[in-house]
Structure formats: structure tokens, C-alpha cells
Amino acid sequence: MPEPLLSARGLVKRYGGLVATNDVSLDVANGEVHALIGPNGAGKTTLVAQLAGEVTPDSGTVHFAGVDITRALPHRRAMHGLARSFQITTICPEFTVLDNIALATQAHAGHSFRFWRSARRDRLLREPARHWLEVVGLSDRADVQAGTLAHGEKRTLELAMALATRPRMLLLDEPMAGAGPDDSARMVQLLASLKGQQTILLVEHDMDAVFALADTITVLVRGRVIASGSPGVIRQDSVVLEAYLGEDA
């Protein structure tokens, strides 16, 4: 078996008497969409924060591409290619959509933006930015002020900004949150187009989206992993049905 791109072992995080993650182990294979599901309060956000470097576990380890990043800060993890979308990407509402993507491209390339006016004429930033706008379907919104975008378009822009940093893996925390049916459908279609090209850990409550996208699903309940496997296996797991999926069945 090939080594997983991301491997967490025995992650524990306590907040006083609350155990948010309780001996959580998780493997994400290179190129897969791995969904993390569970009811509210299951510990999903705390787990993702530990993987992203925003929360330090009390015990356990996190390895990424064979490197121990358990104590690494978020920017160090980003340098290794681990990006958390909708958390690390902040839209600049006064800039255009294209400017926002160029800013993310600059962060990856290491260019200086001390003089924003000249950066707007830098084709090494603008051409990749236009490419990512085309990938996510926002080319016709390139010159629109980002702050005026609809909610679903802002989510898509944030994803484009994350992709512009060319990460090896994306941590997507509820990309469909607050979206209407049409926006959710567009996001599912976009994420489906990235399958096989981009490794993704997806935290999502929309079960239709999860089962449409995921190669592997891990179920977290009360801070513990109760099951992990293919969508078909998870659909038929009696423990999962009782603890979580049964609520929506």
C-alpha cells in the first residue's frame, strides 16, 4: 500500500473536562476525496484545526508527505502544500475578483506586492490568476469588486484562491454552508471536476454532496472515529446509521 499523503495518529484534544478529539486516527490517500462527517459537536472542527496547525493536540501525531508536522505552524504546513480553504483565504472586498486571485498567486510565487499598481501589470501573476478563474467558472466576474459577489460566488472565489497556491492537499470546511440548492450544485460540480487531480479532505453536512464526491468517508461521533470506508460501506454500517445517518434517513 502506498504511504498516505496525510496521516494522523492518536490525536487527543481536551478542553477542561471536554474531550473534543479522543484518540483519532485518519489517513488520506494521495489524490482522493476523503469526507469527514458527523453530528454537530462531534469534534470535526477541532480535528481539522489540529490538521491545519491552528490547534496543537495534547497527544498524537500528524504526518504530511512523510514529514512530521505535529508542531508545525500553519504557514509552515502551507509551505509543505497543506491549505485550509475558507479559513486561510480571506477575500479583500475592495479588490476585484482577479486581484484576489493574483494576491494568492503572489503568496505562492513569493513576489513582492509593495507596489500594488505595478503588480496589476505583472503577467506572471495575472495569467495564472485568469487560469484559476476559468477553472472555477468566474472568468466573466474578473473585474467585479469581490465584495459585491453573491454568497456562492464568494465561496467559489475562496476555493480559487486556495487552488492558486497550488496545494498538495485542501482542507475544505463546509464549502456548501449557507448556499442555496443552485450554488451547492455548482460547488459539487466544481469539486467533482477536481477529483483525481487534487487531494481533498472535505468536512460537510450535505450528505448528498458527500456521497456524490467522496472516495472514502470517516465518521466522527463524540470525538471518536466510529467508522471509515467507502461510501457503500458507510451507507450499510449499522453503527453509523444509528449514530448519525439514521437522523436523516
C-alpha atoms as a PDB file:
ATOM      1  CA  MET A   1       0.000   0.000   0.000  1.00  0.00           C
ATOM      2  CA  PRO A   2       1.368   3.479  -0.861  1.00  0.00           C
ATOM      3  CA  GLU A   3       2.071   5.808   2.034  1.00  0.00           C
ATOM      4  CA  PRO A   4      -0.882   8.170   2.694  1.00  0.00           C
ATOM      5  CA  LEU A   5      -0.346  11.822   1.908  1.00  0.00           C
ATOM      6  CA  LEU A   6      -1.709  12.781   5.332  1.00  0.00           C
ATOM      7  CA  SER A   7      -1.628  10.501   8.369  1.00  0.00           C
ATOM      8  CA  ALA A   8      -2.917  11.390  11.841  1.00  0.00           C
ATOM      9  CA  ARG A   9      -2.407   9.010  14.744  1.00  0.00           C
ATOM     10  CA  GLY A  10      -3.974   9.082  18.210  1.00  0.00           C
ATOM     11  CA  LEU A  11      -4.977  12.751  18.211  1.00  0.00           C
ATOM     12  CA  VAL A  12      -6.370  13.891  21.556  1.00  0.00           C
ATOM     13  CA  LYS A  13      -7.529  17.400  22.425  1.00  0.00           C
ATOM     14  CA  ARG A  14      -9.107  18.274  25.757  1.00  0.00           C
ATOM     15  CA  TYR A  15     -10.781  21.489  26.851  1.00  0.00           C
ATOM     16  CA  GLY A  16     -11.131  21.049  30.583  1.00  0.00           C
ATOM     17  CA  GLY A  17     -13.461  18.090  31.068  1.00  0.00           C
ATOM     18  CA  LEU A  18     -14.475  18.019  27.394  1.00  0.00           C
ATOM     19  CA  VAL A  19     -12.563  15.636  25.141  1.00  0.00           C
ATOM     20  CA  ALA A  20     -13.016  17.168  21.693  1.00  0.00           C
ATOM     21  CA  THR A  21     -10.975  14.523  19.856  1.00  0.00           C
ATOM     22  CA  ASN A  22     -10.417  11.190  21.531  1.00  0.00           C
ATOM     23  CA  ASP A  23      -7.626   9.035  20.041  1.00  0.00           C
ATOM     24  CA  VAL A  24      -8.480   9.975  16.443  1.00  0.00           C
ATOM     25  CA  SER A  25      -6.502   8.326  13.636  1.00  0.00           C
ATOM     26  CA  LEU A  26      -7.045   9.224   9.995  1.00  0.00           C
ATOM     27  CA  ASP A  27      -5.316   8.509   6.670  1.00  0.00           C
ATOM     28  CA  VAL A  28      -5.902  10.478   3.467  1.00  0.00           C
ATOM     29  CA  ALA A  29      -4.533   8.899   0.299  1.00  0.00           C
ATOM     30  CA  ASN A  30      -2.901  10.967  -2.416  1.00  0.00           C
ATOM     31  CA  GLY A  31      -5.496  12.075  -4.988  1.00  0.00           C
ATOM     32  CA  GLU A  32      -8.625  11.042  -3.081  1.00  0.00           C
ATOM     33  CA  VAL A  33     -11.607  12.994  -1.819  1.00  0.00           C
ATOM     34  CA  HIS A  34     -11.931  11.959   1.828  1.00  0.00           C
ATOM     35  CA  ALA A  35     -15.069  13.189   3.587  1.00  0.00           C
ATOM     36  CA  LEU A  36     -15.267  13.739   7.348  1.00  0.00           C
ATOM     37  CA  ILE A  37     -18.844  13.640   8.642  1.00  0.00           C
ATOM     38  CA  GLY A  38     -20.599  13.577  11.989  1.00  0.00           C
ATOM     39  CA  PRO A  39     -23.271  15.370  14.014  1.00  0.00           C
ATOM     40  CA  ASN A  40     -22.774  18.829  15.477  1.00  0.00           C
ATOM     41  CA  GLY A  41     -20.337  18.700  18.369  1.00  0.00           C
ATOM     42  CA  ALA A  42     -18.625  15.565  17.055  1.00  0.00           C
ATOM     43  CA  GLY A  43     -15.192  17.233  17.055  1.00  0.00           C
ATOM     44  CA  LYS A  44     -14.822  17.761  13.294  1.00  0.00           C
ATOM     45  CA  THR A  45     -13.763  21.417  13.529  1.00  0.00           C
ATOM     46  CA  THR A  46     -11.264  20.659  16.285  1.00  0.00           C
ATOM     47  CA  LEU A  47      -9.802  17.788  14.272  1.00  0.00           C
ATOM     48  CA  VAL A  48      -9.408  19.909  11.129  1.00  0.00           C
ATOM     49  CA  ALA A  49      -7.853  22.686  13.208  1.00  0.00           C
ATOM     50  CA  GLN A  50      -5.277  20.200  14.504  1.00  0.00           C
ATOM     51  CA  LEU A  51      -4.504  19.058  10.969  1.00  0.00           C
ATOM     52  CA  ALA A  52      -4.178  22.679   9.811  1.00  0.00           C
ATOM     53  CA  GLY A  53      -1.911  23.650  12.708  1.00  0.00           C
ATOM     54  CA  GLU A  54      -4.349  26.072  14.318  1.00  0.00           C
ATOM     55  CA  VAL A  55      -4.777  23.848  17.397  1.00  0.00           C
ATOM     56  CA  THR A  56      -1.972  21.830  18.996  1.00  0.00           C
ATOM     57  CA  PRO A  57      -3.029  18.330  20.062  1.00  0.00           C
ATOM     58  CA  ASP A  58      -2.442  17.235  23.643  1.00  0.00           C
ATOM     59  CA  SER A  59      -1.124  13.955  22.259  1.00  0.00           C
ATOM     60  CA  GLY A  60      -0.811  12.185  18.937  1.00  0.00           C
ATOM     61  CA  THR A  61       0.998  12.937  15.679  1.00  0.00           C
ATOM     62  CA  VAL A  62       0.318  14.363  12.229  1.00  0.00           C
ATOM     63  CA  HIS A  63       2.491  13.476   9.235  1.00  0.00           C
ATOM     64  CA  PHE A  64       2.174  15.087   5.807  1.00  0.00           C
ATOM     65  CA  ALA A  65       4.057  13.697   2.805  1.00  0.00           C
ATOM     66  CA  GLY A  66       6.179  11.698   5.240  1.00  0.00           C
ATOM     67  CA  VAL A  67       7.143  14.763   7.329  1.00  0.00           C
ATOM     68  CA  ASP A  68       6.162  15.120  11.000  1.00  0.00           C
ATOM     69  CA  ILE A  69       4.204  18.403  11.123  1.00  0.00           C
ATOM     70  CA  THR A  70       2.583  17.843  14.524  1.00  0.00           C
ATOM     71  CA  ARG A  71       4.094  21.024  15.985  1.00  0.00           C
ATOM     72  CA  ALA A  72       4.429  22.998  12.741  1.00  0.00           C
ATOM     73  CA  LEU A  73       2.651  26.357  12.485  1.00  0.00           C
ATOM     74  CA  PRO A  74       0.006  26.862   9.764  1.00  0.00           C
ATOM     75  CA  HIS A  75       2.312  28.817   7.448  1.00  0.00           C
ATOM     76  CA  ARG A  76       4.895  26.018   7.646  1.00  0.00           C
ATOM     77  CA  ARG A  77       2.229  23.481   6.720  1.00  0.00           C
ATOM     78  CA  ALA A  78       1.202  25.706   3.825  1.00  0.00           C
ATOM     79  CA  MET A  79       4.801  25.637   2.599  1.00  0.00           C
ATOM     80  CA  HIS A  80       4.573  21.841   2.548  1.00  0.00           C
ATOM     81  CA  GLY A  81       1.393  22.135   0.464  1.00  0.00           C
ATOM     82  CA  LEU A  82      -1.402  21.795   3.036  1.00  0.00           C
ATOM     83  CA  ALA A  83      -4.063  24.511   2.663  1.00  0.00           C
ATOM     84  CA  ARG A  84      -7.269  25.125   4.577  1.00  0.00           C
ATOM     85  CA  SER A  85      -9.830  26.766   2.346  1.00  0.00           C
ATOM     86  CA  PHE A  86     -12.426  29.219   3.717  1.00  0.00           C
ATOM     87  CA  GLN A  87     -10.208  29.676   6.777  1.00  0.00           C
ATOM     88  CA  ILE A  88      -6.807  30.749   5.443  1.00  0.00           C
ATOM     89  CA  THR A  89      -8.191  32.523   2.371  1.00  0.00           C
ATOM     90  CA  THR A  90      -9.675  35.936   3.117  1.00  0.00           C
ATOM     91  CA  ILE A  91     -11.345  37.899   0.361  1.00  0.00           C
ATOM     92  CA  CYS A  92     -10.284  41.521   0.005  1.00  0.00           C
ATOM     93  CA  PRO A  93     -13.712  43.028  -0.699  1.00  0.00           C
ATOM     94  CA  GLU A  94     -12.386  46.281  -2.167  1.00  0.00           C
ATOM     95  CA  PHE A  95     -10.236  44.451  -4.757  1.00  0.00           C
ATOM     96  CA  THR A  96     -11.536  42.904  -7.941  1.00  0.00           C
ATOM     97  CA  VAL A  97     -12.064  39.152  -8.240  1.00  0.00           C
ATOM     98  CA  LEU A  98      -8.947  38.927 -10.438  1.00  0.00           C
ATOM     99  CA  ASP A  99      -6.909  40.951  -7.908  1.00  0.00           C
ATOM    100  CA  ASN A 100      -7.838  38.472  -5.164  1.00  0.00           C
ATOM    101  CA  ILE A 101      -6.609  35.512  -7.198  1.00  0.00           C
ATOM    102  CA  ALA A 102      -3.436  37.399  -8.136  1.00  0.00           C
ATOM    103  CA  LEU A 103      -2.812  38.035  -4.442  1.00  0.00           C
ATOM    104  CA  ALA A 104      -2.993  34.300  -3.740  1.00  0.00           C
ATOM    105  CA  THR A 105      -0.756  33.611  -6.749  1.00  0.00           C
ATOM    106  CA  GLN A 106       1.754  36.100  -5.359  1.00  0.00           C
ATOM    107  CA  ALA A 107       1.738  34.362  -1.987  1.00  0.00           C
ATOM    108  CA  HIS A 108       2.672  31.096  -3.685  1.00  0.00           C
ATOM    109  CA  ALA A 109       5.269  32.639  -6.029  1.00  0.00           C
ATOM    110  CA  GLY A 110       6.890  34.859  -3.398  1.00  0.00           C
ATOM    111  CA  HIS A 111       6.653  38.104  -5.402  1.00  0.00           C
ATOM    112  CA  SER A 112       6.566  41.451  -3.615  1.00  0.00           C
ATOM    113  CA  PHE A 113       3.337  43.442  -3.596  1.00  0.00           C
ATOM    114  CA  ARG A 114       4.818  46.586  -2.095  1.00  0.00           C
ATOM    115  CA  PHE A 115       3.508  48.499  -5.111  1.00  0.00           C
ATOM    116  CA  TRP A 116       0.076  47.124  -5.988  1.00  0.00           C
ATOM    117  CA  ARG A 117      -0.290  49.244  -9.120  1.00  0.00           C
ATOM    118  CA  SER A 118       2.745  47.664 -10.821  1.00  0.00           C
ATOM    119  CA  ALA A 119       1.695  44.190  -9.653  1.00  0.00           C
ATOM    120  CA  ARG A 120      -1.532  44.624 -11.611  1.00  0.00           C
ATOM    121  CA  ARG A 121       0.578  44.741 -14.770  1.00  0.00           C
ATOM    122  CA  ASP A 122       2.642  41.645 -13.877  1.00  0.00           C
ATOM    123  CA  ARG A 123       1.644  38.932 -16.355  1.00  0.00           C
ATOM    124  CA  LEU A 124       3.381  36.311 -14.160  1.00  0.00           C
ATOM    125  CA  LEU A 125       0.625  36.975 -11.638  1.00  0.00           C
ATOM    126  CA  ARG A 126      -2.278  37.882 -13.885  1.00  0.00           C
ATOM    127  CA  GLU A 127      -2.098  34.970 -16.316  1.00  0.00           C
ATOM    128  CA  PRO A 128      -2.187  32.248 -13.609  1.00  0.00           C
ATOM    129  CA  ALA A 129      -4.963  34.199 -11.889  1.00  0.00           C
ATOM    130  CA  ARG A 130      -7.050  34.195 -15.059  1.00  0.00           C
ATOM    131  CA  HIS A 131      -6.411  30.466 -15.423  1.00  0.00           C
ATOM    132  CA  TRP A 132      -7.873  29.716 -11.991  1.00  0.00           C
ATOM    133  CA  LEU A 133     -10.859  31.971 -12.639  1.00  0.00           C
ATOM    134  CA  GLU A 134     -11.539  29.924 -15.744  1.00  0.00           C
ATOM    135  CA  VAL A 135     -11.176  26.655 -13.793  1.00  0.00           C
ATOM    136  CA  VAL A 136     -13.826  27.693 -11.246  1.00  0.00           C
ATOM    137  CA  GLY A 137     -16.105  29.425 -13.757  1.00  0.00           C
ATOM    138  CA  LEU A 138     -15.660  33.034 -12.654  1.00  0.00           C
ATOM    139  CA  SER A 139     -13.936  34.422 -15.763  1.00  0.00           C
ATOM    140  CA  ASP A 140     -16.859  36.743 -16.517  1.00  0.00           C
ATOM    141  CA  ARG A 141     -16.581  38.213 -12.991  1.00  0.00           C
ATOM    142  CA  ALA A 142     -12.857  39.021 -13.179  1.00  0.00           C
ATOM    143  CA  ASP A 143     -13.239  42.810 -12.988  1.00  0.00           C
ATOM    144  CA  VAL A 144     -16.103  42.833 -10.479  1.00  0.00           C
ATOM    145  CA  GLN A 145     -15.401  44.104  -6.961  1.00  0.00           C
ATOM    146  CA  ALA A 146     -15.183  40.983  -4.783  1.00  0.00           C
ATOM    147  CA  GLY A 147     -17.308  42.468  -2.013  1.00  0.00           C
ATOM    148  CA  THR A 148     -20.305  42.656  -4.355  1.00  0.00           C
ATOM    149  CA  LEU A 149     -20.316  38.941  -5.197  1.00  0.00           C
ATOM    150  CA  ALA A 150     -23.170  36.703  -4.142  1.00  0.00           C
ATOM    151  CA  HIS A 151     -22.510  34.243  -1.306  1.00  0.00           C
ATOM    152  CA  GLY A 152     -21.970  31.260  -3.588  1.00  0.00           C
ATOM    153  CA  GLU A 153     -19.606  33.243  -5.795  1.00  0.00           C
ATOM    154  CA  LYS A 154     -17.549  34.261  -2.760  1.00  0.00           C
ATOM    155  CA  ARG A 155     -17.228  30.597  -1.763  1.00  0.00           C
ATOM    156  CA  THR A 156     -16.071  29.800  -5.287  1.00  0.00           C
ATOM    157  CA  LEU A 157     -13.585  32.684  -5.229  1.00  0.00           C
ATOM    158  CA  GLU A 158     -12.157  31.436  -1.936  1.00  0.00           C
ATOM    159  CA  LEU A 159     -11.681  27.997  -3.455  1.00  0.00           C
ATOM    160  CA  ALA A 160      -9.947  29.535  -6.480  1.00  0.00           C
ATOM    161  CA  MET A 161      -7.627  31.462  -4.147  1.00  0.00           C
ATOM    162  CA  ALA A 162      -6.713  28.251  -2.354  1.00  0.00           C
ATOM    163  CA  LEU A 163      -6.098  26.447  -5.649  1.00  0.00           C
ATOM    164  CA  ALA A 164      -3.893  29.309  -6.833  1.00  0.00           C
ATOM    165  CA  THR A 165      -1.393  28.434  -4.091  1.00  0.00           C
ATOM    166  CA  ARG A 166      -1.067  25.016  -5.807  1.00  0.00           C
ATOM    167  CA  PRO A 167      -1.532  22.946  -2.631  1.00  0.00           C
ATOM    168  CA  ARG A 168      -0.907  19.218  -2.471  1.00  0.00           C
ATOM    169  CA  MET A 169      -3.986  18.894  -0.266  1.00  0.00           C
ATOM    170  CA  LEU A 170      -7.026  21.020   0.525  1.00  0.00           C
ATOM    171  CA  LEU A 171      -8.903  21.013   3.831  1.00  0.00           C
ATOM    172  CA  LEU A 172     -12.406  22.177   2.917  1.00  0.00           C
ATOM    173  CA  ASP A 173     -14.560  23.084   5.894  1.00  0.00           C
ATOM    174  CA  GLU A 174     -18.237  23.003   4.856  1.00  0.00           C
ATOM    175  CA  PRO A 175     -17.911  24.644   1.429  1.00  0.00           C
ATOM    176  CA  MET A 176     -21.680  24.349   0.907  1.00  0.00           C
ATOM    177  CA  ALA A 177     -22.577  26.085   4.204  1.00  0.00           C
ATOM    178  CA  GLY A 178     -25.161  28.801   3.706  1.00  0.00           C
ATOM    179  CA  ALA A 179     -25.511  28.045  -0.001  1.00  0.00           C
ATOM    180  CA  GLY A 180     -28.797  27.560  -1.797  1.00  0.00           C
ATOM    181  CA  PRO A 181     -29.561  24.489  -3.922  1.00  0.00           C
ATOM    182  CA  ASP A 182     -28.191  26.016  -7.144  1.00  0.00           C
ATOM    183  CA  ASP A 183     -24.943  27.208  -5.532  1.00  0.00           C
ATOM    184  CA  SER A 184     -24.498  23.852  -3.788  1.00  0.00           C
ATOM    185  CA  ALA A 185     -24.979  22.014  -7.076  1.00  0.00           C
ATOM    186  CA  ARG A 186     -22.379  24.230  -8.764  1.00  0.00           C
ATOM    187  CA  MET A 187     -19.891  23.637  -5.933  1.00  0.00           C
ATOM    188  CA  VAL A 188     -20.404  19.862  -6.126  1.00  0.00           C
ATOM    189  CA  GLN A 189     -19.838  20.002  -9.880  1.00  0.00           C
ATOM    190  CA  LEU A 190     -16.662  22.052  -9.389  1.00  0.00           C
ATOM    191  CA  LEU A 191     -15.264  19.727  -6.723  1.00  0.00           C
ATOM    192  CA  ALA A 192     -16.138  16.714  -8.873  1.00  0.00           C
ATOM    193  CA  SER A 193     -14.070  18.233 -11.690  1.00  0.00           C
ATOM    194  CA  LEU A 194     -11.048  18.297  -9.338  1.00  0.00           C
ATOM    195  CA  LYS A 195     -11.279  14.598  -8.456  1.00  0.00           C
ATOM    196  CA  GLY A 196      -8.107  12.728  -9.282  1.00  0.00           C
ATOM    197  CA  GLN A 197      -6.199  15.994  -9.633  1.00  0.00           C
ATOM    198  CA  GLN A 198      -6.448  17.377  -6.102  1.00  0.00           C
ATOM    199  CA  THR A 199      -6.344  15.618  -2.726  1.00  0.00           C
ATOM    200  CA  ILE A 200      -9.219  16.903  -0.589  1.00  0.00           C
ATOM    201  CA  LEU A 201     -10.368  16.393   2.992  1.00  0.00           C
ATOM    202  CA  LEU A 202     -13.976  17.534   2.934  1.00  0.00           C
ATOM    203  CA  VAL A 203     -15.997  18.384   6.033  1.00  0.00           C
ATOM    204  CA  GLU A 204     -19.617  18.664   5.007  1.00  0.00           C
ATOM    205  CA  HIS A 205     -23.157  18.209   6.379  1.00  0.00           C
ATOM    206  CA  ASP A 206     -24.780  17.853   2.950  1.00  0.00           C
ATOM    207  CA  MET A 207     -24.968  14.068   2.666  1.00  0.00           C
ATOM    208  CA  ASP A 208     -25.992  14.156  -0.996  1.00  0.00           C
ATOM    209  CA  ALA A 209     -22.786  16.076  -1.740  1.00  0.00           C
ATOM    210  CA  VAL A 210     -20.693  13.747   0.429  1.00  0.00           C
ATOM    211  CA  PHE A 211     -21.908  10.574  -1.242  1.00  0.00           C
ATOM    212  CA  ALA A 212     -21.573  12.152  -4.685  1.00  0.00           C
ATOM    213  CA  LEU A 213     -17.960  13.227  -4.133  1.00  0.00           C
ATOM    214  CA  ALA A 214     -16.202  11.049  -1.563  1.00  0.00           C
ATOM    215  CA  ASP A 215     -13.917   8.128  -2.287  1.00  0.00           C
ATOM    216  CA  THR A 216     -13.629   7.464   1.459  1.00  0.00           C
ATOM    217  CA  ILE A 217     -15.805   8.606   4.374  1.00  0.00           C
ATOM    218  CA  THR A 218     -14.760   8.811   8.013  1.00  0.00           C
ATOM    219  CA  VAL A 219     -17.488   9.225  10.633  1.00  0.00           C
ATOM    220  CA  LEU A 220     -16.741  11.098  13.851  1.00  0.00           C
ATOM    221  CA  VAL A 221     -19.117  10.933  16.832  1.00  0.00           C
ATOM    222  CA  ARG A 222     -18.378  12.393  20.286  1.00  0.00           C
ATOM    223  CA  GLY A 223     -14.732  12.871  19.375  1.00  0.00           C
ATOM    224  CA  ARG A 224     -14.156   9.291  18.221  1.00  0.00           C
ATOM    225  CA  VAL A 225     -13.949   7.673  14.800  1.00  0.00           C
ATOM    226  CA  ILE A 226     -16.746   5.083  14.679  1.00  0.00           C
ATOM    227  CA  ALA A 227     -16.278   4.023  11.037  1.00  0.00           C
ATOM    228  CA  SER A 228     -14.178   4.675   7.946  1.00  0.00           C
ATOM    229  CA  GLY A 229     -14.568   3.214   4.479  1.00  0.00           C
ATOM    230  CA  SER A 230     -16.084   3.588   1.023  1.00  0.00           C
ATOM    231  CA  PRO A 231     -19.466   5.303   0.623  1.00  0.00           C
ATOM    232  CA  GLY A 232     -21.094   1.906   0.032  1.00  0.00           C
ATOM    233  CA  VAL A 233     -19.667   0.505   3.257  1.00  0.00           C
ATOM    234  CA  ILE A 234     -20.674   3.572   5.276  1.00  0.00           C
ATOM    235  CA  ARG A 235     -24.238   3.521   3.914  1.00  0.00           C
ATOM    236  CA  GLN A 236     -24.704  -0.006   5.238  1.00  0.00           C
ATOM    237  CA  ASP A 237     -22.897   0.352   8.574  1.00  0.00           C
ATOM    238  CA  SER A 238     -25.478  -0.214  11.310  1.00  0.00           C
ATOM    239  CA  VAL A 239     -23.484   1.750  13.896  1.00  0.00           C
ATOM    240  CA  VAL A 240     -23.259   4.769  11.575  1.00  0.00           C
ATOM    241  CA  LEU A 241     -26.946   4.536  10.704  1.00  0.00           C
ATOM    242  CA  GLU A 242     -27.883   4.536  14.371  1.00  0.00           C
ATOM    243  CA  ALA A 243     -25.451   7.251  15.440  1.00  0.00           C
ATOM    244  CA  TYR A 244     -25.705   9.678  12.548  1.00  0.00           C
ATOM    245  CA  LEU A 245     -27.132   8.819   9.134  1.00  0.00           C
ATOM    246  CA  GLY A 246     -30.315   7.493  10.691  1.00  0.00           C
ATOM    247  CA  GLU A 247     -31.167  11.041  11.724  1.00  0.00           C
ATOM    248  CA  ASP A 248     -31.512  11.965   8.056  1.00  0.00           C
ATOM    249  CA  ALA A 249     -32.677   8.615   6.646  1.00  0.00           C
END
